[in-house]
Amino acid sequence: MITLSIILQAAANVALAKFGAAIGAGLAAIAAGIGIGKIGGSALESIARQPEAAGDIRSNMIVSAALIEGAAFFAIIICLLAIVL
């Protein structure tokens, strides 16, 4: 009887961990979308104010978006690994 109780507690913890990992993957994707959206909006505003600096602003925007996307992919992969393993 005690062994069954321990097994059920472990199963509940695994399910809770998988639920947390799924929530974490969703939050990482949402946060990355918001971050890249803010970068794009700010870049468009600054290009509208100074059109002669469009090339520099665009390249900085792409680098920043790539860094955010890389961090988001890392977070999503870690969460998916938590679900699978």
Protein backbone atom coordinates (compact mmCIF):
# COMPACT_ATOMS: atom_id res chain seq x y z
CA MET A 1 0.00 0.00 0.00
CA ILE A 2 2.82 2.41 0.80
CA THR A 3 4.55 1.61 -2.49
CA LEU A 4 1.39 2.42 -4.44
CA SER A 5 1.16 5.77 -2.66
CA ILE A 6 4.76 6.63 -3.58
CA ILE A 7 4.20 5.64 -7.20
CA LEU A 8 1.05 7.77 -7.43
CA GLN A 9 2.87 10.77 -5.94
CA ALA A 10 5.72 10.36 -8.42
CA ALA A 11 3.24 10.12 -11.31
CA ALA A 12 1.48 13.27 -10.14
CA ASN A 13 4.81 15.12 -9.95
CA VAL A 14 5.72 14.01 -13.48
CA ALA A 15 2.38 15.22 -14.81
CA LEU A 16 2.81 18.52 -13.00
CA ALA A 17 6.33 18.89 -14.42
CA LYS A 18 5.08 18.25 -17.95
CA PHE A 19 2.30 20.79 -17.46
CA GLY A 20 4.84 23.35 -16.22
CA ALA A 21 7.12 22.66 -19.17
CA ALA A 22 4.25 23.16 -21.60
CA ILE A 23 3.32 26.45 -19.93
CA GLY A 24 6.99 27.52 -20.05
CA ALA A 25 7.25 26.78 -23.78
CA GLY A 26 4.12 28.80 -24.45
CA LEU A 27 5.33 31.73 -22.37
CA ALA A 28 8.70 31.69 -24.13
CA ALA A 29 7.02 31.84 -27.54
CA ILE A 30 4.67 34.64 -26.48
CA ALA A 31 7.46 36.67 -24.90
CA ALA A 32 9.62 36.33 -28.02
CA GLY A 33 6.74 37.50 -30.20
CA ILE A 34 6.17 40.53 -28.00
CA GLY A 35 9.88 41.36 -27.92
CA ILE A 36 10.34 41.11 -31.67
CA GLY A 37 7.18 43.15 -32.19
CA LYS A 38 8.51 45.92 -29.95
CA ILE A 39 11.84 45.89 -31.78
CA GLY A 40 10.08 46.15 -35.15
CA GLY A 41 7.82 48.97 -34.01
CA SER A 42 10.67 50.95 -32.51
CA ALA A 43 12.78 50.45 -35.61
CA LEU A 44 9.99 51.71 -37.86
CA GLU A 45 9.52 54.78 -35.67
CA SER A 46 13.22 55.58 -35.70
CA ILE A 47 13.48 55.06 -39.47
CA ALA A 48 10.52 57.43 -39.91
CA ARG A 49 12.33 60.05 -37.81
CA GLN A 50 15.72 59.61 -39.48
CA PRO A 51 15.39 58.00 -42.91
CA GLU A 52 19.11 58.47 -43.63
CA ALA A 53 19.96 56.02 -40.82
CA ALA A 54 17.67 53.27 -42.12
CA GLY A 55 20.48 50.86 -42.98
CA ASP A 56 22.09 50.99 -39.55
CA ILE A 57 18.76 50.76 -37.76
CA ARG A 58 17.66 47.81 -39.89
CA SER A 59 20.87 45.87 -39.27
CA ASN A 60 20.68 46.49 -35.52
CA MET A 61 17.03 45.41 -35.57
CA ILE A 62 17.88 42.15 -37.31
CA VAL A 63 20.68 41.35 -34.87
CA SER A 64 18.45 42.09 -31.87
CA ALA A 65 15.59 40.01 -33.26
CA ALA A 66 17.95 37.11 -33.93
CA LEU A 67 19.23 37.20 -30.36
CA ILE A 68 15.70 37.20 -28.96
CA GLU A 69 14.70 34.39 -31.29
CA GLY A 70 17.72 32.33 -30.28
CA ALA A 71 16.93 32.71 -26.59
CA ALA A 72 13.30 31.79 -27.25
CA PHE A 73 14.27 28.68 -29.22
CA PHE A 74 16.60 27.65 -26.40
CA ALA A 75 13.81 28.05 -23.84
CA ILE A 76 11.32 26.14 -25.99
CA ILE A 77 13.76 23.26 -26.59
CA ILE A 78 14.50 22.99 -22.88
CA CYS A 79 10.77 22.91 -22.11
CA LEU A 80 10.13 20.29 -24.79
CA LEU A 81 12.96 18.17 -23.44
CA ALA A 82 11.37 18.38 -20.00
CA ILE A 83 8.13 17.10 -21.51
CA VAL A 84 9.76 14.22 -23.41
CA LEU A 85 12.24 13.08 -20.79
